[in-house]
Amino acid sequence: MRRLLALTTSLMFLELVFFTVLSPLLPGLKGDLGLSTSQAGVLVAMYAVGCAVGAIPALMIVAHVGVRTTALASLATFATMSVAFGLAHGYEALLAARFVQGLAGAACWTAAMIWLLEVAPLERRGVLLGVAFGVSEAGAIAGPAAGGVAAAAGRDWTFVAIAALCLLLALVTSRFSAPPRPAQRRLGLGSALSSSSIRKVMWITLLPAILLAAISVLAPLQQHRLGAGPGEIAATFGVAAIIGILIRPVLRSLVRSPGPAAPGSAGAAGVRAGRARVAVDGNARRRRDPRGRGSAPDRRPLGAGHGDALRRVRRRRSRADHGRGDDGP
């Protein structure tokens, strides 16, 4: 299981490298090709566009040919388009290479996730997914670093080396046995897109991607105007990725934690505690009654715990008053 976890994490890591590699290269490409800011933005966005276009078809491909075959095809595409991006000198060729890289990224990430979900034991899926996501986030650091190396040492040699790493990872992937494909393989593109839930998820995913693409374009260009080189730009994005990795567990805990502003959770806890205490007290009263005529325990939800205590005090005072009345003349 550890070997498969390392493999799927490597696939997700590689996808993030391709997603974030362009930022340090953007000022140089803009100057060499004479691009406008909007053209540079389109170049950055083409990867995300490819991912969005290929997301649902990637699910269909995985369902029909399996996760290992899909992963191998995506790695071969990554390698080919990495060489193409490194050797391309025209704007249209760079756009095409980034778009196909986005398609390969969607297939690679989908294959890795489904592979891990199919093989991982049910009780450990959450832990393994957390490890895979956490470790693969390092790709957001390695991507800008690779872009800085490409800007300094040459785009062609750097992306040819990245292509060689893709082929090496494909060789490692081929040595894993493919998991059995699920019996249900029918997945229609029209039915998927007609689902309102899927459309909402696509919009929720798309909006942050648009914001991230805008930052990935404007931030390096502004840094370049202020005199920063590719190394400084790569370091900036790398530090930002590290900060994101560090604060993500905190944000996750805040989302999962009820916090002081969530009274429903506290009320529910009080209801559960009140029910338990009332049941125990009622059974104890029944055992203490020497005449054996104890009433059934009161199981009403009392809300917060202090309300339960107040009601018990009132009941005891009422019994004491009745007892004094029985002993009187």
Protein backbone atom coordinates (compact mmCIF):
# COMPACT_ATOMS: atom_id res chain seq x y z
CA MET A 1 0.00 0.00 0.00
CA ARG A 2 2.90 2.35 0.68
CA ARG A 3 4.27 1.85 -2.82
CA LEU A 4 0.92 2.70 -4.37
CA LEU A 5 0.56 5.73 -2.11
CA ALA A 6 4.00 6.93 -3.24
CA LEU A 7 3.03 6.42 -6.88
CA THR A 8 -0.29 8.24 -6.72
CA THR A 9 1.28 11.06 -4.72
CA SER A 10 3.98 11.38 -7.40
CA LEU A 11 1.34 11.62 -10.12
CA MET A 12 -0.50 14.37 -8.26
CA PHE A 13 2.82 16.10 -7.52
CA LEU A 14 3.71 16.13 -11.21
CA GLU A 15 0.35 17.63 -12.15
CA LEU A 16 0.91 20.52 -9.73
CA VAL A 17 4.41 21.07 -11.13
CA PHE A 18 3.00 21.60 -14.62
CA PHE A 19 0.25 23.83 -13.25
CA THR A 20 2.64 26.22 -11.45
CA VAL A 21 5.76 26.10 -13.65
CA LEU A 22 4.90 29.03 -15.89
CA SER A 23 4.94 32.00 -13.47
CA PRO A 24 8.72 32.68 -13.43
CA LEU A 25 8.85 32.26 -17.21
CA LEU A 26 6.05 34.69 -17.95
CA PRO A 27 8.00 38.00 -18.02
CA GLY A 28 10.60 36.52 -20.35
CA LEU A 29 8.00 35.03 -22.68
CA LYS A 30 6.11 38.29 -22.72
CA GLY A 31 9.23 40.21 -23.71
CA ASP A 32 10.58 37.67 -26.22
CA LEU A 33 7.28 37.15 -28.05
CA GLY A 34 5.99 40.71 -27.66
CA LEU A 35 2.84 39.59 -25.86
CA SER A 36 0.30 41.87 -24.26
CA THR A 37 -0.86 41.31 -20.71
CA SER A 38 -4.11 39.76 -21.93
CA GLN A 39 -2.21 37.37 -24.21
CA ALA A 40 0.01 36.36 -21.29
CA GLY A 41 -3.12 35.77 -19.25
CA VAL A 42 -4.57 33.52 -21.95
CA LEU A 43 -1.32 31.54 -22.02
CA VAL A 44 -1.50 30.97 -18.27
CA ALA A 45 -5.21 30.12 -18.42
CA MET A 46 -4.85 27.50 -21.16
CA TYR A 47 -3.71 24.85 -18.70
CA ALA A 48 -6.76 25.43 -16.48
CA VAL A 49 -8.99 25.43 -19.56
CA GLY A 50 -7.55 22.07 -20.59
CA CYS A 51 -8.17 20.69 -17.10
CA ALA A 52 -11.77 21.92 -17.12
CA VAL A 53 -12.45 20.50 -20.59
CA GLY A 54 -10.83 17.16 -19.78
CA ALA A 55 -12.22 16.59 -16.28
CA ILE A 56 -15.40 14.66 -17.14
CA PRO A 57 -13.94 12.89 -20.22
CA ALA A 58 -11.10 11.74 -17.95
CA LEU A 59 -13.66 9.99 -15.73
CA MET A 60 -15.15 8.29 -18.77
CA ILE A 61 -11.71 7.17 -20.00
CA VAL A 62 -10.82 5.77 -16.58
CA ALA A 63 -14.11 3.86 -16.50
CA HIS A 64 -13.47 2.29 -19.90
CA VAL A 65 -9.71 1.57 -19.99
CA GLY A 66 -8.72 1.57 -16.32
CA VAL A 67 -6.61 3.76 -14.08
CA ARG A 68 -3.17 2.43 -15.01
CA THR A 69 -3.69 2.82 -18.74
CA THR A 70 -5.03 6.33 -18.22
CA ALA A 71 -2.07 7.25 -16.02
CA LEU A 72 0.41 5.90 -18.58
CA ALA A 73 -1.28 7.80 -21.41
CA SER A 74 -1.29 11.03 -19.41
CA LEU A 75 2.40 10.66 -18.56
CA ALA A 76 3.28 10.07 -22.20
CA THR A 77 1.27 13.15 -23.14
CA PHE A 78 3.01 15.16 -20.43
CA ALA A 79 6.40 14.12 -21.77
CA THR A 80 5.50 14.95 -25.37
CA MET A 81 3.98 18.33 -24.54
CA SER A 82 6.86 19.17 -22.22
CA VAL A 83 9.28 18.81 -25.12
CA ALA A 84 6.91 20.75 -27.36
CA PHE A 85 6.65 23.59 -24.85
CA GLY A 86 10.40 23.71 -24.38
CA LEU A 87 11.14 23.87 -28.11
CA ALA A 88 8.22 26.04 -29.23
CA HIS A 89 8.98 29.61 -30.26
CA GLY A 90 5.52 30.76 -31.37
CA TYR A 91 2.61 31.95 -29.30
CA GLU A 92 0.09 29.58 -30.90
CA ALA A 93 2.35 26.57 -30.35
CA LEU A 94 2.76 27.47 -26.68
CA LEU A 95 -1.02 27.81 -26.31
CA ALA A 96 -1.58 24.40 -27.86
CA ALA A 97 1.08 22.78 -25.68
CA ARG A 98 -0.36 24.24 -22.48
CA PHE A 99 -3.90 23.22 -23.42
CA VAL A 100 -2.89 19.60 -24.06
CA GLN A 101 -0.88 19.64 -20.85
CA GLY A 102 -4.10 20.62 -19.08
CA LEU A 103 -5.92 17.68 -20.64
CA ALA A 104 -3.13 15.36 -19.50
CA GLY A 105 -3.23 16.92 -16.04
CA ALA A 106 -6.95 16.19 -15.68
CA ALA A 107 -6.42 12.57 -16.71
CA CYS A 108 -3.36 12.12 -14.50
CA TRP A 109 -5.00 13.54 -11.38
CA THR A 110 -8.23 11.61 -11.94
CA ALA A 111 -6.40 8.32 -12.50
CA ALA A 112 -4.30 8.81 -9.36
CA MET A 113 -7.30 9.60 -7.17
CA ILE A 114 -9.48 6.74 -8.42
CA TRP A 115 -6.58 4.28 -8.22
CA LEU A 116 -5.99 5.14 -4.57
CA LEU A 117 -9.71 5.03 -3.75
CA GLU A 118 -10.19 1.64 -5.41
CA VAL A 119 -7.28 -0.06 -3.66
CA ALA A 120 -7.22 1.62 -0.24
CA PRO A 121 -9.13 -0.08 2.59
CA LEU A 122 -12.37 1.67 3.40
CA GLU A 123 -11.35 2.53 6.97
CA ARG A 124 -8.06 4.12 5.80
CA ARG A 125 -9.20 6.05 2.77
CA GLY A 126 -9.47 9.36 4.58
CA VAL A 127 -5.98 9.09 6.05
CA LEU A 128 -4.40 8.01 2.77
CA LEU A 129 -6.12 10.77 0.82
CA GLY A 130 -4.94 13.30 3.38
CA VAL A 131 -1.36 12.08 3.03
CA ALA A 132 -1.56 12.13 -0.76
CA PHE A 133 -2.95 15.66 -0.86
CA GLY A 134 -0.49 16.95 1.72
CA VAL A 135 2.64 15.54 0.12
CA SER A 136 1.60 16.38 -3.43
CA GLU A 137 1.20 20.04 -2.43
CA ALA A 138 5.00 20.21 -2.59
CA GLY A 139 4.52 20.29 -6.36
CA ALA A 140 3.32 23.89 -5.95
CA ILE A 141 6.81 24.63 -4.60
CA ALA A 142 8.72 22.57 -7.15
CA GLY A 143 6.82 24.09 -10.09
CA PRO A 144 8.03 27.68 -9.63
CA ALA A 145 11.49 26.35 -8.84
CA ALA A 146 11.55 24.46 -12.14
CA GLY A 147 10.31 27.59 -13.91
CA GLY A 148 13.12 29.61 -12.35
CA VAL A 149 15.66 27.03 -13.52
CA ALA A 150 14.17 27.13 -17.02
CA ALA A 151 14.38 30.92 -17.10
CA ALA A 152 18.03 30.84 -16.02
CA ALA A 153 19.38 27.74 -17.76
CA GLY A 154 17.16 27.59 -20.83
CA ARG A 155 13.60 26.55 -21.45
CA ASP A 156 14.47 23.78 -23.92
CA TRP A 157 16.85 21.76 -21.77
CA THR A 158 14.77 22.16 -18.62
CA PHE A 159 11.56 20.90 -20.20
CA VAL A 160 13.36 18.05 -21.94
CA ALA A 161 14.62 17.01 -18.48
CA ILE A 162 11.06 17.23 -17.14
CA ALA A 163 9.92 15.03 -20.04
CA ALA A 164 12.56 12.47 -19.08
CA LEU A 165 11.21 12.44 -15.51
CA CYS A 166 7.69 11.87 -16.89
CA LEU A 167 8.92 8.87 -18.87
CA LEU A 168 10.73 7.52 -15.82
CA LEU A 169 7.55 7.82 -13.77
CA ALA A 170 5.66 6.06 -16.58
CA LEU A 171 8.15 3.19 -16.40
CA VAL A 172 7.58 2.91 -12.66
CA THR A 173 3.80 3.04 -13.17
CA SER A 174 3.93 0.19 -15.70
CA ARG A 175 5.37 -2.11 -13.04
CA PHE A 176 2.24 -1.82 -10.90
CA SER A 177 -0.61 -4.22 -11.43
CA ALA A 178 -3.81 -2.57 -12.54
CA PRO A 179 -6.77 -2.84 -10.14
CA PRO A 180 -9.94 -4.48 -11.48
CA ARG A 181 -12.25 -2.07 -13.22
CA PRO A 182 -15.67 -1.53 -11.65
CA ALA A 183 -18.57 -3.44 -13.15
CA GLN A 184 -20.55 -0.27 -13.84
CA ARG A 185 -18.70 1.62 -16.59
CA ARG A 186 -21.46 3.60 -18.21
CA LEU A 187 -20.94 7.31 -17.75
CA GLY A 188 -22.61 9.69 -20.13
CA LEU A 189 -21.22 13.17 -20.68
CA GLY A 190 -24.68 14.60 -21.28
CA SER A 191 -26.14 13.11 -18.12
CA ALA A 192 -23.17 14.33 -16.09
CA LEU A 193 -23.45 17.89 -17.37
CA SER A 194 -27.22 17.87 -16.88
CA SER A 195 -26.78 17.29 -13.16
CA SER A 196 -27.22 20.51 -11.22
CA SER A 197 -24.87 19.28 -8.49
CA ILE A 198 -22.06 18.70 -10.97
CA ARG A 199 -22.60 22.11 -12.55
CA LYS A 200 -22.45 23.79 -9.13
CA VAL A 201 -19.24 21.98 -8.27
CA MET A 202 -17.74 23.01 -11.60
CA TRP A 203 -18.57 26.66 -10.94
CA ILE A 204 -17.23 26.48 -7.38
CA THR A 205 -14.01 24.99 -8.74
CA LEU A 206 -13.78 27.42 -11.64
CA LEU A 207 -14.07 30.67 -9.68
CA PRO A 208 -10.98 30.13 -7.48
CA ALA A 209 -9.09 28.94 -10.57
CA ILE A 210 -9.88 32.23 -12.31
CA LEU A 211 -8.59 34.18 -9.31
CA LEU A 212 -5.45 32.06 -9.12
CA ALA A 213 -4.83 32.52 -12.84
CA ALA A 214 -5.14 36.30 -12.47
CA ILE A 215 -2.61 36.30 -9.64
CA SER A 216 -0.29 34.02 -11.62
CA VAL A 217 -0.30 36.57 -14.46
CA LEU A 218 -0.32 39.93 -12.72
CA ALA A 219 2.00 39.14 -9.82
CA PRO A 220 5.08 38.04 -11.82
CA LEU A 221 4.63 40.84 -14.35
CA GLN A 222 4.42 43.43 -11.57
CA GLN A 223 7.46 41.92 -9.86
CA HIS A 224 9.33 42.12 -13.15
CA ARG A 225 8.43 45.78 -13.50
CA LEU A 226 9.84 46.36 -10.02
CA GLY A 227 13.13 44.79 -11.03
CA ALA A 228 12.71 41.21 -9.79
CA GLY A 229 14.31 38.41 -11.78
CA PRO A 230 13.09 34.86 -12.40
CA GLY A 231 14.76 33.64 -9.20
CA GLU A 232 12.95 36.18 -7.04
CA ILE A 233 9.63 35.43 -8.75
CA ALA A 234 10.11 31.69 -8.24
CA ALA A 235 11.00 32.26 -4.58
CA THR A 236 7.89 34.39 -4.06
CA PHE A 237 5.56 31.74 -5.43
CA GLY A 238 7.43 29.02 -3.55
CA VAL A 239 7.05 30.86 -0.23
CA ALA A 240 3.36 31.45 -0.99
CA ALA A 241 2.92 27.72 -1.61
CA ILE A 242 4.67 26.89 1.68
CA ILE A 243 2.40 29.30 3.57
CA GLY A 244 -0.62 27.68 1.93
CA ILE A 245 0.55 24.22 2.97
CA LEU A 246 1.11 25.37 6.55
CA ILE A 247 -2.21 27.14 7.06
CA ARG A 248 -4.34 24.54 5.29
CA PRO A 249 -4.62 22.24 8.35
CA VAL A 250 -5.63 25.25 10.46
CA LEU A 251 -8.35 26.22 7.99
CA ARG A 252 -9.51 22.62 7.79
CA SER A 253 -9.81 22.44 11.58
CA LEU A 254 -11.75 25.72 11.64
CA VAL A 255 -14.18 24.39 9.05
CA ARG A 256 -14.69 21.13 10.94
CA SER A 257 -14.81 22.71 14.41
CA PRO A 258 -18.17 24.12 15.54
CA GLY A 259 -16.54 27.17 17.17
CA PRO A 260 -18.26 29.68 19.46
CA ALA A 261 -20.52 30.92 16.67
CA ALA A 262 -22.25 27.58 16.13
CA PRO A 263 -24.91 27.29 18.85
CA GLY A 264 -26.56 24.29 17.24
CA SER A 265 -23.63 22.03 18.06
CA ALA A 266 -23.49 23.17 21.69
CA GLY A 267 -27.25 22.75 22.01
CA ALA A 268 -27.07 19.27 20.57
CA ALA A 269 -24.35 18.36 23.06
CA GLY A 270 -26.50 19.70 25.88
CA VAL A 271 -29.49 17.70 24.67
CA ARG A 272 -27.42 14.48 24.58
CA ALA A 273 -25.98 15.15 28.05
CA GLY A 274 -29.39 16.10 29.46
CA ARG A 275 -31.01 12.96 28.10
CA ALA A 276 -28.31 10.76 29.60
CA ARG A 277 -28.47 12.43 33.02
CA VAL A 278 -32.29 12.37 33.20
CA ALA A 279 -32.36 8.66 32.30
CA VAL A 280 -29.81 7.83 35.00
CA ASP A 281 -31.56 9.96 37.62
CA GLY A 282 -34.97 8.43 36.83
CA ASN A 283 -33.63 4.89 37.19
CA ALA A 284 -31.92 5.84 40.46
CA ARG A 285 -35.16 7.30 41.86
CA ARG A 286 -36.99 4.13 40.90
CA ARG A 287 -34.44 2.02 42.78
CA ARG A 288 -34.59 4.27 45.87
CA ASP A 289 -38.44 4.22 46.12
CA PRO A 290 -39.21 1.71 48.96
CA ARG A 291 -42.81 1.32 47.80
CA GLY A 292 -41.79 0.32 44.25
CA ARG A 293 -44.09 2.89 42.70
CA GLY A 294 -41.45 4.97 40.97
CA SER A 295 -42.66 6.72 37.86
CA ALA A 296 -41.08 6.17 34.49
CA PRO A 297 -37.89 8.22 33.94
CA ASP A 298 -38.35 11.56 32.26
CA ARG A 299 -36.55 11.42 28.88
CA ARG A 300 -37.52 14.80 27.57
CA PRO A 301 -34.70 16.72 25.86
CA LEU A 302 -33.86 19.57 28.19
CA GLY A 303 -31.46 21.52 26.01
CA ALA A 304 -28.40 22.81 27.87
CA GLY A 305 -27.05 20.96 30.90
CA HIS A 306 -27.72 23.75 33.41
CA GLY A 307 -31.46 23.60 32.53
CA ASP A 308 -31.50 19.95 33.50
CA ALA A 309 -29.89 20.69 36.87
CA LEU A 310 -32.39 23.47 37.60
CA ARG A 311 -35.34 21.17 36.88
CA ARG A 312 -33.95 18.44 39.13
CA VAL A 313 -33.58 20.92 42.00
CA ARG A 314 -37.19 22.03 41.53
CA ARG A 315 -38.45 18.44 41.53
CA ARG A 316 -36.56 17.63 44.72
CA ARG A 317 -37.92 20.75 46.45
CA SER A 318 -41.45 19.79 45.40
CA ARG A 319 -41.04 16.29 46.85
CA ALA A 320 -39.72 17.74 50.08
CA ASP A 321 -42.74 20.04 50.34
CA HIS A 322 -45.12 17.12 49.78
CA GLY A 323 -43.30 15.12 52.41
CA ARG A 324 -43.74 17.83 55.02
CA GLY A 325 -47.45 18.00 54.16
CA ASP A 326 -47.87 14.25 54.67
CA ASP A 327 -46.21 14.37 58.13
CA GLY A 328 -48.33 17.30 59.38
CA PRO A 329 -51.51 17.04 61.55
